[in-house]
Amino acid sequence: MEKIRAIVTGATGMVGEGVLHECLHHPDVEAVLVINRKPCGVTHPKLKEIIHANFHDLSATEDQLQPYNACFFCLGVSSVGMNEETYHDLTYNLTLHVANVLLRQNPQMVFCYVSGSGTDSTEKGKSMWARVKGKTENALLQLGFKKAYMFRPGYMQPTRGLKNTLRWYGAFSWMYPVLRLLFPGYVSTLKQVGVAMIHVVTKGYEKSVLEVRDIVKLASII
């Protein structure tokens, strides 16, 4: 089996940091490149970091992207207080620009995108963020990567010891066993999200859009 050489975006956020953590500690991952606007503060023999401010223009970094066979795209912004035009630019336009650059460098890449539970594939619903995320997912699935997978996590139990856990996640951590029992279709661990991403590269999956139950199932595959 070919080892994973993964590009991770959003490693200074909660999800990206969790995915990066799993990559660095998984035997099937041999190299990780993180592209951040600021240093992620992690050092590891597998890890290389590029600090790059403008994700709408990756021309200065393109020659460093070719050796990688997977992208775990965890970069994202909250739609709270943001108008649709700005959110569309920072979600759809930015993501598709990065994806197209990676596709040119390696069309055999597996691309994993983190959207969220409730994403609207019809692009016609009332929720602005869900429409934009749905549009982004649909475009990524049509680009032409070897494989593309859309991850739709809900509540993610934080990985202990990581520094970018959102405050409200930390406040609810003690309720995880109850939430998992009452809402199994909406609750996973951040570790399961990271492991599931690794597994879709090494093992594949029958669905391109992964809801929480799919993430949990995929993470458990040996």
N, C-alpha and C. Protein backbone atom coordinates (compact mmCIF):
# COMPACT_ATOMS: atom_id res chain seq x y z
N MET A 1 0.83 -1.19 0.00
CA MET A 1 0.00 0.00 0.00
C MET A 1 0.87 1.25 0.00
N GLU A 2 0.53 2.19 -0.87
CA GLU A 2 1.26 3.45 -0.91
C GLU A 2 0.99 4.25 0.35
N LYS A 3 2.04 4.78 0.94
CA LYS A 3 1.89 5.59 2.14
C LYS A 3 1.25 6.93 1.80
N ILE A 4 0.59 7.52 2.78
CA ILE A 4 -0.07 8.80 2.59
C ILE A 4 0.92 9.94 2.78
N ARG A 5 0.89 10.86 1.83
CA ARG A 5 1.61 12.14 1.95
C ARG A 5 0.54 13.21 1.86
N ALA A 6 0.18 13.76 3.01
CA ALA A 6 -1.03 14.58 3.11
C ALA A 6 -0.72 16.06 3.27
N ILE A 7 -1.52 16.86 2.60
CA ILE A 7 -1.57 18.29 2.84
C ILE A 7 -2.75 18.55 3.79
N VAL A 8 -2.50 19.30 4.85
CA VAL A 8 -3.56 19.63 5.82
C VAL A 8 -3.68 21.15 5.87
N THR A 9 -4.90 21.65 5.67
CA THR A 9 -5.15 23.08 5.84
C THR A 9 -6.00 23.28 7.10
N GLY A 10 -5.89 24.46 7.67
CA GLY A 10 -6.68 24.76 8.86
C GLY A 10 -6.12 24.19 10.14
N ALA A 11 -4.81 23.91 10.18
CA ALA A 11 -4.22 23.25 11.34
C ALA A 11 -4.14 24.14 12.57
N THR A 12 -4.45 25.44 12.43
CA THR A 12 -4.52 26.30 13.61
C THR A 12 -5.93 26.38 14.17
N GLY A 13 -6.86 25.64 13.57
CA GLY A 13 -8.22 25.53 14.09
C GLY A 13 -8.42 24.19 14.77
N MET A 14 -9.56 24.02 15.38
CA MET A 14 -9.82 22.81 16.16
C MET A 14 -9.81 21.55 15.30
N VAL A 15 -10.55 21.55 14.19
CA VAL A 15 -10.64 20.34 13.38
C VAL A 15 -9.31 20.04 12.70
N GLY A 16 -8.70 21.05 12.11
CA GLY A 16 -7.43 20.84 11.44
C GLY A 16 -6.34 20.36 12.38
N GLU A 17 -6.31 20.92 13.58
CA GLU A 17 -5.32 20.48 14.56
C GLU A 17 -5.54 19.02 14.93
N GLY A 18 -6.81 18.64 15.09
CA GLY A 18 -7.11 17.25 15.43
C GLY A 18 -6.74 16.29 14.33
N VAL A 19 -7.03 16.67 13.08
CA VAL A 19 -6.67 15.83 11.93
C VAL A 19 -5.15 15.73 11.80
N LEU A 20 -4.47 16.85 11.97
CA LEU A 20 -3.00 16.84 11.92
C LEU A 20 -2.44 15.91 12.99
N HIS A 21 -2.99 15.97 14.18
CA HIS A 21 -2.52 15.11 15.28
C HIS A 21 -2.63 13.63 14.90
N GLU A 22 -3.75 13.24 14.31
CA GLU A 22 -3.92 11.83 13.93
C GLU A 22 -2.95 11.45 12.80
N CYS A 23 -2.73 12.35 11.86
CA CYS A 23 -1.79 12.07 10.77
C CYS A 23 -0.38 11.84 11.29
N LEU A 24 0.04 12.67 12.22
CA LEU A 24 1.41 12.57 12.73
C LEU A 24 1.64 11.30 13.53
N HIS A 25 0.55 10.72 14.04
CA HIS A 25 0.69 9.53 14.89
C HIS A 25 0.20 8.25 14.22
N HIS A 26 -0.12 8.33 12.92
CA HIS A 26 -0.64 7.14 12.23
C HIS A 26 0.45 6.54 11.35
N PRO A 27 0.63 5.22 11.42
CA PRO A 27 1.71 4.58 10.66
C PRO A 27 1.54 4.63 9.14
N ASP A 28 0.31 4.84 8.66
CA ASP A 28 0.09 4.88 7.21
C ASP A 28 0.40 6.25 6.60
N VAL A 29 0.71 7.21 7.43
CA VAL A 29 1.04 8.57 6.95
C VAL A 29 2.54 8.78 7.10
N GLU A 30 3.21 9.04 5.99
CA GLU A 30 4.66 9.19 6.05
C GLU A 30 5.14 10.64 6.00
N ALA A 31 4.28 11.55 5.52
CA ALA A 31 4.68 12.95 5.44
C ALA A 31 3.43 13.83 5.48
N VAL A 32 3.56 14.99 6.12
CA VAL A 32 2.46 15.94 6.22
C VAL A 32 2.99 17.34 5.92
N LEU A 33 2.26 18.02 5.05
CA LEU A 33 2.54 19.43 4.77
C LEU A 33 1.36 20.25 5.27
N VAL A 34 1.61 21.21 6.15
CA VAL A 34 0.54 22.12 6.57
C VAL A 34 0.78 23.47 5.92
N ILE A 35 -0.29 24.07 5.44
CA ILE A 35 -0.24 25.41 4.85
C ILE A 35 -1.10 26.29 5.74
N ASN A 36 -0.47 27.25 6.39
CA ASN A 36 -1.15 28.09 7.36
C ASN A 36 -0.84 29.56 7.14
N ARG A 37 -1.71 30.40 7.66
CA ARG A 37 -1.43 31.84 7.67
C ARG A 37 -0.48 32.21 8.80
N LYS A 38 -0.44 31.37 9.84
CA LYS A 38 0.46 31.57 10.97
C LYS A 38 0.96 30.22 11.44
N PRO A 39 2.10 30.16 12.15
CA PRO A 39 2.64 28.87 12.56
C PRO A 39 1.67 28.08 13.43
N CYS A 40 1.63 26.76 13.22
CA CYS A 40 0.72 25.92 14.00
C CYS A 40 1.30 25.55 15.36
N GLY A 41 2.61 25.76 15.55
CA GLY A 41 3.22 25.49 16.84
C GLY A 41 3.52 24.02 17.10
N VAL A 42 3.50 23.20 16.05
CA VAL A 42 3.77 21.76 16.18
C VAL A 42 5.07 21.43 15.46
N THR A 43 5.89 20.62 16.08
CA THR A 43 7.09 20.11 15.43
C THR A 43 7.06 18.58 15.45
N HIS A 44 7.49 17.98 14.35
CA HIS A 44 7.48 16.52 14.24
C HIS A 44 8.32 16.15 13.03
N PRO A 45 8.99 14.99 13.07
CA PRO A 45 9.83 14.58 11.92
C PRO A 45 9.04 14.45 10.61
N LYS A 46 7.76 14.13 10.67
CA LYS A 46 6.96 13.98 9.45
C LYS A 46 6.51 15.32 8.88
N LEU A 47 6.59 16.37 9.66
CA LEU A 47 5.88 17.61 9.37
C LEU A 47 6.73 18.67 8.68
N LYS A 48 6.15 19.26 7.64
CA LYS A 48 6.70 20.45 6.99
C LYS A 48 5.61 21.50 6.98
N GLU A 49 6.00 22.76 7.18
CA GLU A 49 5.02 23.84 7.26
C GLU A 49 5.36 24.96 6.29
N ILE A 50 4.31 25.44 5.60
CA ILE A 50 4.43 26.61 4.74
C ILE A 50 3.55 27.70 5.33
N ILE A 51 4.12 28.86 5.60
CA ILE A 51 3.35 30.00 6.05
C ILE A 51 3.01 30.85 4.83
N HIS A 52 1.70 30.98 4.59
CA HIS A 52 1.25 31.67 3.37
C HIS A 52 -0.03 32.42 3.69
N ALA A 53 -0.04 33.73 3.47
CA ALA A 53 -1.15 34.56 3.92
C ALA A 53 -2.36 34.50 3.02
N ASN A 54 -2.16 34.38 1.72
CA ASN A 54 -3.27 34.54 0.77
C ASN A 54 -3.61 33.21 0.09
N PHE A 55 -4.67 32.56 0.55
CA PHE A 55 -5.08 31.29 -0.03
C PHE A 55 -5.80 31.46 -1.37
N HIS A 56 -6.10 32.69 -1.75
CA HIS A 56 -6.66 32.94 -3.06
C HIS A 56 -5.58 32.97 -4.15
N ASP A 57 -4.33 32.95 -3.74
CA ASP A 57 -3.21 32.96 -4.68
C ASP A 57 -2.09 32.09 -4.12
N LEU A 58 -1.97 30.88 -4.65
CA LEU A 58 -0.96 29.93 -4.17
C LEU A 58 0.22 29.80 -5.13
N SER A 59 0.36 30.74 -6.05
CA SER A 59 1.39 30.62 -7.08
C SER A 59 2.80 30.50 -6.49
N ALA A 60 3.04 31.13 -5.36
CA ALA A 60 4.37 31.08 -4.76
C ALA A 60 4.69 29.73 -4.12
N THR A 61 3.67 28.90 -3.92
CA THR A 61 3.87 27.62 -3.23
C THR A 61 3.64 26.41 -4.12
N GLU A 62 3.16 26.62 -5.35
CA GLU A 62 2.71 25.50 -6.18
C GLU A 62 3.78 24.43 -6.39
N ASP A 63 5.02 24.83 -6.55
CA ASP A 63 6.07 23.85 -6.83
C ASP A 63 6.35 22.94 -5.65
N GLN A 64 5.83 23.25 -4.47
CA GLN A 64 6.04 22.42 -3.28
C GLN A 64 4.88 21.46 -3.01
N LEU A 65 3.83 21.49 -3.84
CA LEU A 65 2.62 20.73 -3.57
C LEU A 65 2.54 19.40 -4.30
N GLN A 66 3.33 19.20 -5.31
CA GLN A 66 3.21 18.05 -6.20
C GLN A 66 3.43 16.69 -5.52
N PRO A 67 4.34 16.55 -4.55
CA PRO A 67 4.62 15.20 -4.03
C PRO A 67 3.51 14.58 -3.19
N TYR A 68 2.42 15.29 -2.97
CA TYR A 68 1.42 14.83 -1.99
C TYR A 68 0.24 14.16 -2.70
N ASN A 69 -0.28 13.10 -2.07
CA ASN A 69 -1.35 12.30 -2.69
C ASN A 69 -2.69 12.42 -1.98
N ALA A 70 -2.77 13.28 -0.97
CA ALA A 70 -4.03 13.49 -0.25
C ALA A 70 -4.07 14.92 0.27
N CYS A 71 -5.29 15.46 0.34
CA CYS A 71 -5.49 16.75 0.99
C CYS A 71 -6.64 16.62 1.98
N PHE A 72 -6.38 17.03 3.21
CA PHE A 72 -7.42 17.08 4.24
C PHE A 72 -7.73 18.56 4.48
N PHE A 73 -8.78 19.03 3.82
CA PHE A 73 -9.09 20.46 3.80
C PHE A 73 -10.00 20.79 4.98
N CYS A 74 -9.40 21.34 6.02
CA CYS A 74 -10.12 21.65 7.26
C CYS A 74 -10.24 23.15 7.50
N LEU A 75 -9.84 23.94 6.52
CA LEU A 75 -9.89 25.39 6.65
C LEU A 75 -11.33 25.87 6.46
N GLY A 76 -11.77 26.74 7.35
CA GLY A 76 -13.12 27.26 7.23
C GLY A 76 -13.36 28.40 8.19
N VAL A 77 -14.44 29.14 7.93
CA VAL A 77 -14.80 30.27 8.78
C VAL A 77 -16.26 30.12 9.21
N SER A 78 -16.59 30.73 10.33
CA SER A 78 -17.97 30.77 10.78
C SER A 78 -18.74 31.80 9.96
N SER A 79 -20.00 31.50 9.69
CA SER A 79 -20.85 32.43 8.95
C SER A 79 -21.51 33.46 9.85
N VAL A 80 -21.31 33.35 11.16
CA VAL A 80 -21.97 34.25 12.11
C VAL A 80 -21.54 35.70 11.85
N GLY A 81 -22.50 36.57 11.63
CA GLY A 81 -22.22 37.98 11.40
C GLY A 81 -21.65 38.30 10.03
N MET A 82 -21.68 37.36 9.12
CA MET A 82 -21.07 37.55 7.80
C MET A 82 -22.15 37.54 6.72
N ASN A 83 -22.04 38.45 5.76
CA ASN A 83 -23.01 38.42 4.67
C ASN A 83 -22.66 37.30 3.69
N GLU A 84 -23.62 36.97 2.82
CA GLU A 84 -23.44 35.80 1.95
C GLU A 84 -22.30 35.99 0.95
N GLU A 85 -22.14 37.20 0.44
CA GLU A 85 -21.08 37.42 -0.53
C GLU A 85 -19.70 37.15 0.07
N THR A 86 -19.47 37.65 1.28
CA THR A 86 -18.18 37.44 1.93
C THR A 86 -17.98 35.98 2.29
N TYR A 87 -19.03 35.36 2.84
CA TYR A 87 -18.93 33.95 3.21
C TYR A 87 -18.68 33.08 1.98
N HIS A 88 -19.36 33.40 0.88
CA HIS A 88 -19.17 32.66 -0.36
C HIS A 88 -17.72 32.77 -0.84
N ASP A 89 -17.14 33.95 -0.73
CA ASP A 89 -15.76 34.14 -1.16
C ASP A 89 -14.79 33.34 -0.30
N LEU A 90 -15.00 33.37 1.02
CA LEU A 90 -14.08 32.71 1.94
C LEU A 90 -14.32 31.20 2.05
N THR A 91 -15.43 30.73 1.53
CA THR A 91 -15.75 29.30 1.58
C THR A 91 -15.67 28.69 0.18
N TYR A 92 -16.56 29.07 -0.70
CA TYR A 92 -16.57 28.47 -2.04
C TYR A 92 -15.36 28.89 -2.88
N ASN A 93 -15.16 30.18 -3.07
CA ASN A 93 -14.09 30.65 -3.96
C ASN A 93 -12.72 30.20 -3.48
N LEU A 94 -12.46 30.37 -2.21
CA LEU A 94 -11.14 30.01 -1.67
C LEU A 94 -10.90 28.50 -1.80
N THR A 95 -11.88 27.71 -1.39
CA THR A 95 -11.71 26.25 -1.43
C THR A 95 -11.50 25.76 -2.86
N LEU A 96 -12.30 26.27 -3.79
CA LEU A 96 -12.17 25.80 -5.18
C LEU A 96 -10.86 26.26 -5.79
N HIS A 97 -10.36 27.41 -5.40
CA HIS A 97 -9.05 27.84 -5.91
C HIS A 97 -7.96 26.88 -5.45
N VAL A 98 -7.94 26.58 -4.16
CA VAL A 98 -6.93 25.66 -3.64
C VAL A 98 -7.07 24.29 -4.29
N ALA A 99 -8.30 23.80 -4.41
CA ALA A 99 -8.53 22.48 -5.00
C ALA A 99 -8.05 22.42 -6.44
N ASN A 100 -8.30 23.46 -7.22
CA ASN A 100 -7.86 23.46 -8.62
C ASN A 100 -6.34 23.49 -8.73
N VAL A 101 -5.68 24.21 -7.84
CA VAL A 101 -4.22 24.21 -7.83
C VAL A 101 -3.70 22.81 -7.55
N LEU A 102 -4.27 22.13 -6.55
CA LEU A 102 -3.82 20.78 -6.20
C LEU A 102 -4.12 19.79 -7.31
N LEU A 103 -5.25 19.97 -7.97
CA LEU A 103 -5.62 19.06 -9.07
C LEU A 103 -4.61 19.16 -10.21
N ARG A 104 -4.16 20.36 -10.50
CA ARG A 104 -3.15 20.52 -11.55
C ARG A 104 -1.85 19.83 -11.17
N GLN A 105 -1.50 19.87 -9.91
CA GLN A 105 -0.25 19.27 -9.45
C GLN A 105 -0.33 17.75 -9.38
N ASN A 106 -1.49 17.23 -9.00
CA ASN A 106 -1.61 15.78 -8.85
C ASN A 106 -3.07 15.34 -8.98
N PRO A 107 -3.53 15.01 -10.19
CA PRO A 107 -4.92 14.59 -10.39
C PRO A 107 -5.24 13.25 -9.74
N GLN A 108 -4.24 12.51 -9.27
CA GLN A 108 -4.46 11.25 -8.57
C GLN A 108 -4.65 11.46 -7.07
N MET A 109 -4.76 12.70 -6.66
CA MET A 109 -4.92 13.02 -5.24
C MET A 109 -6.32 12.64 -4.74
N VAL A 110 -6.41 12.27 -3.46
CA VAL A 110 -7.68 12.09 -2.76
C VAL A 110 -7.93 13.37 -1.95
N PHE A 111 -9.08 13.99 -2.18
CA PHE A 111 -9.38 15.28 -1.56
C PHE A 111 -10.52 15.11 -0.56
N CYS A 112 -10.28 15.47 0.69
CA CYS A 112 -11.29 15.39 1.74
C CYS A 112 -11.63 16.80 2.22
N TYR A 113 -12.91 17.10 2.24
CA TYR A 113 -13.36 18.45 2.59
C TYR A 113 -14.28 18.39 3.80
N VAL A 114 -14.03 19.24 4.78
CA VAL A 114 -14.87 19.29 5.97
C VAL A 114 -15.94 20.37 5.78
N SER A 115 -17.19 19.95 5.72
CA SER A 115 -18.28 20.92 5.67
C SER A 115 -19.00 20.89 7.02
N GLY A 116 -20.06 20.12 7.16
CA GLY A 116 -20.72 20.03 8.45
C GLY A 116 -22.08 19.39 8.32
N SER A 117 -22.56 18.82 9.42
CA SER A 117 -23.88 18.23 9.44
C SER A 117 -24.92 19.31 9.14
N GLY A 118 -25.84 19.01 8.24
CA GLY A 118 -26.85 19.98 7.85
C GLY A 118 -26.54 20.70 6.55
N THR A 119 -25.40 20.39 5.93
CA THR A 119 -25.05 20.98 4.64
C THR A 119 -26.14 20.67 3.61
N ASP A 120 -26.46 21.65 2.78
CA ASP A 120 -27.58 21.56 1.85
C ASP A 120 -27.09 21.26 0.43
N SER A 121 -27.19 20.01 0.02
CA SER A 121 -26.74 19.61 -1.32
C SER A 121 -27.60 20.20 -2.43
N THR A 122 -28.83 20.59 -2.10
CA THR A 122 -29.70 21.17 -3.14
C THR A 122 -29.31 22.61 -3.46
N GLU A 123 -28.60 23.25 -2.56
CA GLU A 123 -28.19 24.66 -2.69
C GLU A 123 -29.37 25.62 -2.70
N LYS A 124 -30.54 25.17 -2.24
CA LYS A 124 -31.76 25.99 -2.34
C LYS A 124 -32.44 26.25 -1.00
N GLY A 125 -31.86 25.76 0.08
CA GLY A 125 -32.50 25.91 1.39
C GLY A 125 -32.41 27.31 1.95
N LYS A 126 -33.03 27.52 3.11
CA LYS A 126 -33.07 28.84 3.73
C LYS A 126 -31.77 29.19 4.44
N SER A 127 -31.00 28.21 4.86
CA SER A 127 -29.78 28.47 5.62
C SER A 127 -28.64 28.86 4.68
N MET A 128 -28.11 30.07 4.85
CA MET A 128 -27.08 30.58 3.96
C MET A 128 -25.82 29.72 4.00
N TRP A 129 -25.33 29.41 5.20
CA TRP A 129 -24.08 28.64 5.29
C TRP A 129 -24.25 27.26 4.67
N ALA A 130 -25.43 26.66 4.88
CA ALA A 130 -25.66 25.31 4.37
C ALA A 130 -25.72 25.29 2.84
N ARG A 131 -26.29 26.34 2.24
CA ARG A 131 -26.32 26.44 0.78
C ARG A 131 -24.91 26.59 0.20
N VAL A 132 -24.12 27.46 0.81
CA VAL A 132 -22.77 27.71 0.31
C VAL A 132 -21.91 26.47 0.47
N LYS A 133 -22.02 25.81 1.61
CA LYS A 133 -21.26 24.57 1.83
C LYS A 133 -21.70 23.51 0.83
N GLY A 134 -23.00 23.42 0.57
CA GLY A 134 -23.50 22.45 -0.40
C GLY A 134 -22.98 22.73 -1.80
N LYS A 135 -22.97 24.00 -2.18
CA LYS A 135 -22.42 24.37 -3.48
C LYS A 135 -20.94 23.99 -3.57
N THR A 136 -20.22 24.21 -2.48
CA THR A 136 -18.79 23.88 -2.45
C THR A 136 -18.58 22.38 -2.59
N GLU A 137 -19.34 21.60 -1.83
CA GLU A 137 -19.26 20.14 -1.94
C GLU A 137 -19.53 19.68 -3.37
N ASN A 138 -20.62 20.17 -3.95
CA ASN A 138 -21.01 19.73 -5.29
C ASN A 138 -19.93 20.04 -6.32
N ALA A 139 -19.31 21.21 -6.21
CA ALA A 139 -18.26 21.58 -7.15
C ALA A 139 -17.03 20.70 -6.97
N LEU A 140 -16.67 20.42 -5.74
CA LEU A 140 -15.49 19.58 -5.48
C LEU A 140 -15.69 18.16 -6.04
N LEU A 141 -16.89 17.64 -5.92
CA LEU A 141 -17.16 16.29 -6.40
C LEU A 141 -17.09 16.19 -7.92
N GLN A 142 -17.20 17.33 -8.60
CA GLN A 142 -17.17 17.34 -10.06
C GLN A 142 -15.80 17.70 -10.64
N LEU A 143 -14.83 18.01 -9.80
CA LEU A 143 -13.57 18.56 -10.30
C LEU A 143 -12.73 17.54 -11.08
N GLY A 144 -12.70 16.30 -10.62
CA GLY A 144 -11.90 15.30 -11.33
C GLY A 144 -10.78 14.69 -10.54
N PHE A 145 -10.79 14.86 -9.20
CA PHE A 145 -9.81 14.17 -8.37
C PHE A 145 -10.00 12.65 -8.49
N LYS A 146 -8.96 11.90 -8.18
CA LYS A 146 -9.07 10.44 -8.14
C LYS A 146 -10.26 10.05 -7.27
N LYS A 147 -10.36 10.65 -6.10
CA LYS A 147 -11.50 10.49 -5.21
C LYS A 147 -11.68 11.79 -4.44
N ALA A 148 -12.93 12.13 -4.16
CA ALA A 148 -13.23 13.28 -3.32
C ALA A 148 -14.29 12.87 -2.31
N TYR A 149 -14.09 13.24 -1.07
CA TYR A 149 -15.01 12.87 0.01
C TYR A 149 -15.39 14.12 0.79
N MET A 150 -16.69 14.26 1.04
CA MET A 150 -17.20 15.39 1.80
C MET A 150 -17.55 14.91 3.20
N PHE A 151 -16.91 15.48 4.20
CA PHE A 151 -17.12 15.09 5.60
C PHE A 151 -18.08 16.07 6.26
N ARG A 152 -19.11 15.51 6.90
CA ARG A 152 -20.13 16.32 7.55
C ARG A 152 -20.23 15.99 9.03
N PRO A 153 -19.23 16.36 9.82
CA PRO A 153 -19.30 16.08 11.25
C PRO A 153 -20.33 16.95 11.95
N GLY A 154 -20.78 16.48 13.12
CA GLY A 154 -21.64 17.28 13.99
C GLY A 154 -20.83 17.71 15.20
N TYR A 155 -21.33 17.34 16.38
CA TYR A 155 -20.53 17.59 17.58
C TYR A 155 -19.34 16.64 17.59
N MET A 156 -18.14 17.17 17.83
CA MET A 156 -16.93 16.36 17.88
C MET A 156 -16.30 16.45 19.27
N GLN A 157 -16.23 15.34 19.96
CA GLN A 157 -15.58 15.33 21.27
C GLN A 157 -14.10 15.68 21.08
N PRO A 158 -13.62 16.75 21.73
CA PRO A 158 -12.24 17.18 21.50
C PRO A 158 -11.21 16.14 21.89
N THR A 159 -10.07 16.20 21.24
CA THR A 159 -8.94 15.35 21.60
C THR A 159 -8.20 16.00 22.75
N ARG A 160 -8.02 15.27 23.81
CA ARG A 160 -7.40 15.83 25.01
C ARG A 160 -5.96 16.27 24.74
N GLY A 161 -5.61 17.44 25.25
CA GLY A 161 -4.25 17.93 25.14
C GLY A 161 -4.01 18.88 23.99
N LEU A 162 -4.95 18.98 23.05
CA LEU A 162 -4.77 19.91 21.94
C LEU A 162 -5.19 21.32 22.36
N LYS A 163 -4.62 22.31 21.73
CA LYS A 163 -4.74 23.68 22.24
C LYS A 163 -5.80 24.53 21.56
N ASN A 164 -6.34 24.08 20.43
CA ASN A 164 -7.27 24.92 19.67
C ASN A 164 -8.73 24.50 19.82
N THR A 165 -9.04 23.77 20.89
CA THR A 165 -10.42 23.37 21.14
C THR A 165 -11.28 24.60 21.37
N LEU A 166 -12.39 24.69 20.65
CA LEU A 166 -13.31 25.80 20.86
C LEU A 166 -13.88 25.75 22.27
N ARG A 167 -14.03 26.93 22.86
CA ARG A 167 -14.40 27.00 24.28
C ARG A 167 -15.69 26.25 24.57
N TRP A 168 -16.70 26.42 23.71
CA TRP A 168 -17.98 25.78 24.02
C TRP A 168 -17.91 24.27 23.89
N TYR A 169 -17.00 23.76 23.04
CA TYR A 169 -16.79 22.31 22.97
C TYR A 169 -16.27 21.80 24.30
N GLY A 170 -15.30 22.53 24.86
CA GLY A 170 -14.75 22.14 26.15
C GLY A 170 -15.80 22.11 27.24
N ALA A 171 -16.75 23.05 27.18
CA ALA A 171 -17.79 23.12 28.20
C ALA A 171 -18.75 21.93 28.13
N PHE A 172 -18.90 21.35 26.94
CA PHE A 172 -19.83 20.23 26.77
C PHE A 172 -19.15 18.86 26.83
N SER A 173 -17.82 18.83 26.98
CA SER A 173 -17.09 17.56 26.89
C SER A 173 -17.59 16.53 27.89
N TRP A 174 -17.93 16.98 29.08
CA TRP A 174 -18.35 16.04 30.12
C TRP A 174 -19.66 15.33 29.76
N MET A 175 -20.43 15.93 28.82
CA MET A 175 -21.71 15.34 28.43
C MET A 175 -21.59 14.35 27.28
N TYR A 176 -20.37 14.11 26.79
CA TYR A 176 -20.20 13.29 25.59
C TYR A 176 -20.89 11.92 25.68
N PRO A 177 -20.73 11.15 26.76
CA PRO A 177 -21.39 9.83 26.80
C PRO A 177 -22.91 9.93 26.62
N VAL A 178 -23.51 10.96 27.22
CA VAL A 178 -24.96 11.13 27.11
C VAL A 178 -25.35 11.56 25.69
N LEU A 179 -24.60 12.51 25.14
CA LEU A 179 -24.88 12.97 23.78
C LEU A 179 -24.74 11.83 22.78
N ARG A 180 -23.74 10.99 22.96
CA ARG A 180 -23.51 9.86 22.05
C ARG A 180 -24.67 8.88 22.13
N LEU A 181 -25.21 8.69 23.34
CA LEU A 181 -26.33 7.77 23.53
C LEU A 181 -27.62 8.32 22.93
N LEU A 182 -27.87 9.61 23.13
CA LEU A 182 -29.13 10.21 22.71
C LEU A 182 -29.14 10.62 21.24
N PHE A 183 -27.97 11.03 20.73
CA PHE A 183 -27.90 11.56 19.36
C PHE A 183 -26.76 10.90 18.57
N PRO A 184 -26.82 9.60 18.37
CA PRO A 184 -25.69 8.90 17.72
C PRO A 184 -25.43 9.35 16.29
N GLY A 185 -26.43 9.95 15.65
CA GLY A 185 -26.25 10.40 14.28
C GLY A 185 -25.62 11.78 14.17
N TYR A 186 -25.31 12.38 15.32
CA TYR A 186 -24.77 13.74 15.30
C TYR A 186 -23.50 13.90 16.14
N VAL A 187 -23.01 12.82 16.71
CA VAL A 187 -21.92 12.92 17.67
C VAL A 187 -20.80 11.94 17.32
N SER A 188 -19.58 12.44 17.29
CA SER A 188 -18.39 11.60 17.11
C SER A 188 -17.27 12.21 17.93
N THR A 189 -16.11 11.61 17.85
CA THR A 189 -14.92 12.24 18.43
C THR A 189 -14.12 12.90 17.31
N LEU A 190 -13.32 13.88 17.67
CA LEU A 190 -12.42 14.49 16.70
C LEU A 190 -11.42 13.46 16.19
N LYS A 191 -11.01 12.56 17.06
CA LYS A 191 -10.11 11.49 16.64
C LYS A 191 -10.73 10.65 15.54
N GLN A 192 -12.02 10.33 15.65
CA GLN A 192 -12.69 9.53 14.63
C GLN A 192 -12.72 10.26 13.29
N VAL A 193 -12.88 11.58 13.31
CA VAL A 193 -12.86 12.34 12.07
C VAL A 193 -11.50 12.22 11.39
N GLY A 194 -10.42 12.39 12.17
CA GLY A 194 -9.08 12.29 11.60
C GLY A 194 -8.76 10.90 11.08
N VAL A 195 -9.11 9.88 11.85
CA VAL A 195 -8.83 8.50 11.43
C VAL A 195 -9.66 8.14 10.20
N ALA A 196 -10.92 8.61 10.15
CA ALA A 196 -11.77 8.33 8.99
C ALA A 196 -11.18 8.94 7.72
N MET A 197 -10.59 10.13 7.82
CA MET A 197 -9.95 10.74 6.66
C MET A 197 -8.78 9.89 6.17
N ILE A 198 -7.99 9.42 7.09
CA ILE A 198 -6.87 8.55 6.72
C ILE A 198 -7.39 7.27 6.05
N HIS A 199 -8.46 6.71 6.58
CA HIS A 199 -8.99 5.46 6.05
C HIS A 199 -9.62 5.61 4.67
N VAL A 200 -10.21 6.77 4.35
CA VAL A 200 -10.77 6.88 3.00
C VAL A 200 -9.67 6.90 1.95
N VAL A 201 -8.48 7.34 2.35
CA VAL A 201 -7.35 7.32 1.42
C VAL A 201 -6.82 5.90 1.25
N THR A 202 -6.67 5.18 2.34
CA THR A 202 -6.06 3.85 2.28
C THR A 202 -7.05 2.74 1.93
N LYS A 203 -8.31 2.91 2.29
CA LYS A 203 -9.29 1.84 2.13
C LYS A 203 -10.46 2.20 1.23
N GLY A 204 -10.70 3.50 1.01
CA GLY A 204 -11.85 3.92 0.22
C GLY A 204 -13.14 3.82 1.02
N TYR A 205 -14.24 4.27 0.40
CA TYR A 205 -15.56 4.18 1.05
C TYR A 205 -16.61 4.23 -0.05
N GLU A 206 -17.76 3.64 0.22
CA GLU A 206 -18.78 3.52 -0.82
C GLU A 206 -19.54 4.81 -1.06
N LYS A 207 -19.46 5.76 -0.14
CA LYS A 207 -20.16 7.03 -0.29
C LYS A 207 -19.16 8.17 -0.46
N SER A 208 -19.57 9.19 -1.21
CA SER A 208 -18.73 10.37 -1.35
C SER A 208 -19.04 11.43 -0.31
N VAL A 209 -20.26 11.40 0.20
CA VAL A 209 -20.67 12.34 1.26
C VAL A 209 -20.84 11.56 2.54
N LEU A 210 -20.05 11.89 3.55
CA LEU A 210 -20.02 11.12 4.78
C LEU A 210 -20.69 11.89 5.91
N GLU A 211 -21.82 11.36 6.36
CA GLU A 211 -22.47 11.90 7.54
C GLU A 211 -21.80 11.32 8.79
N VAL A 212 -22.27 11.72 9.96
CA VAL A 212 -21.60 11.32 11.20
C VAL A 212 -21.53 9.80 11.34
N ARG A 213 -22.60 9.09 11.05
CA ARG A 213 -22.59 7.63 11.18
C ARG A 213 -21.54 7.00 10.26
N ASP A 214 -21.36 7.57 9.06
CA ASP A 214 -20.35 7.07 8.14
C ASP A 214 -18.95 7.32 8.70
N ILE A 215 -18.74 8.49 9.28
CA ILE A 215 -17.44 8.82 9.86
C ILE A 215 -17.08 7.84 10.97
N VAL A 216 -18.04 7.58 11.86
CA VAL A 216 -17.79 6.65 12.96
C VAL A 216 -17.51 5.24 12.44
N LYS A 217 -18.31 4.81 11.46
CA LYS A 217 -18.11 3.47 10.87
C LYS A 217 -16.74 3.36 10.23
N LEU A 218 -16.37 4.35 9.44
CA LEU A 218 -15.10 4.31 8.72
C LEU A 218 -13.92 4.34 9.66
N ALA A 219 -14.03 5.10 10.74
CA ALA A 219 -12.94 5.18 11.70
C ALA A 219 -12.68 3.86 12.40
N SER A 220 -13.72 3.02 12.48
CA SER A 220 -13.59 1.75 13.21
C SER A 220 -13.04 0.62 12.35
N ILE A 221 -12.91 0.84 11.05
CA ILE A 221 -12.41 -0.21 10.17
C ILE A 221 -10.95 -0.49 10.47
N ILE A 222 -10.61 -1.75 10.61
CA ILE A 222 -9.22 -2.14 10.90
C ILE A 222 -8.50 -2.45 9.60
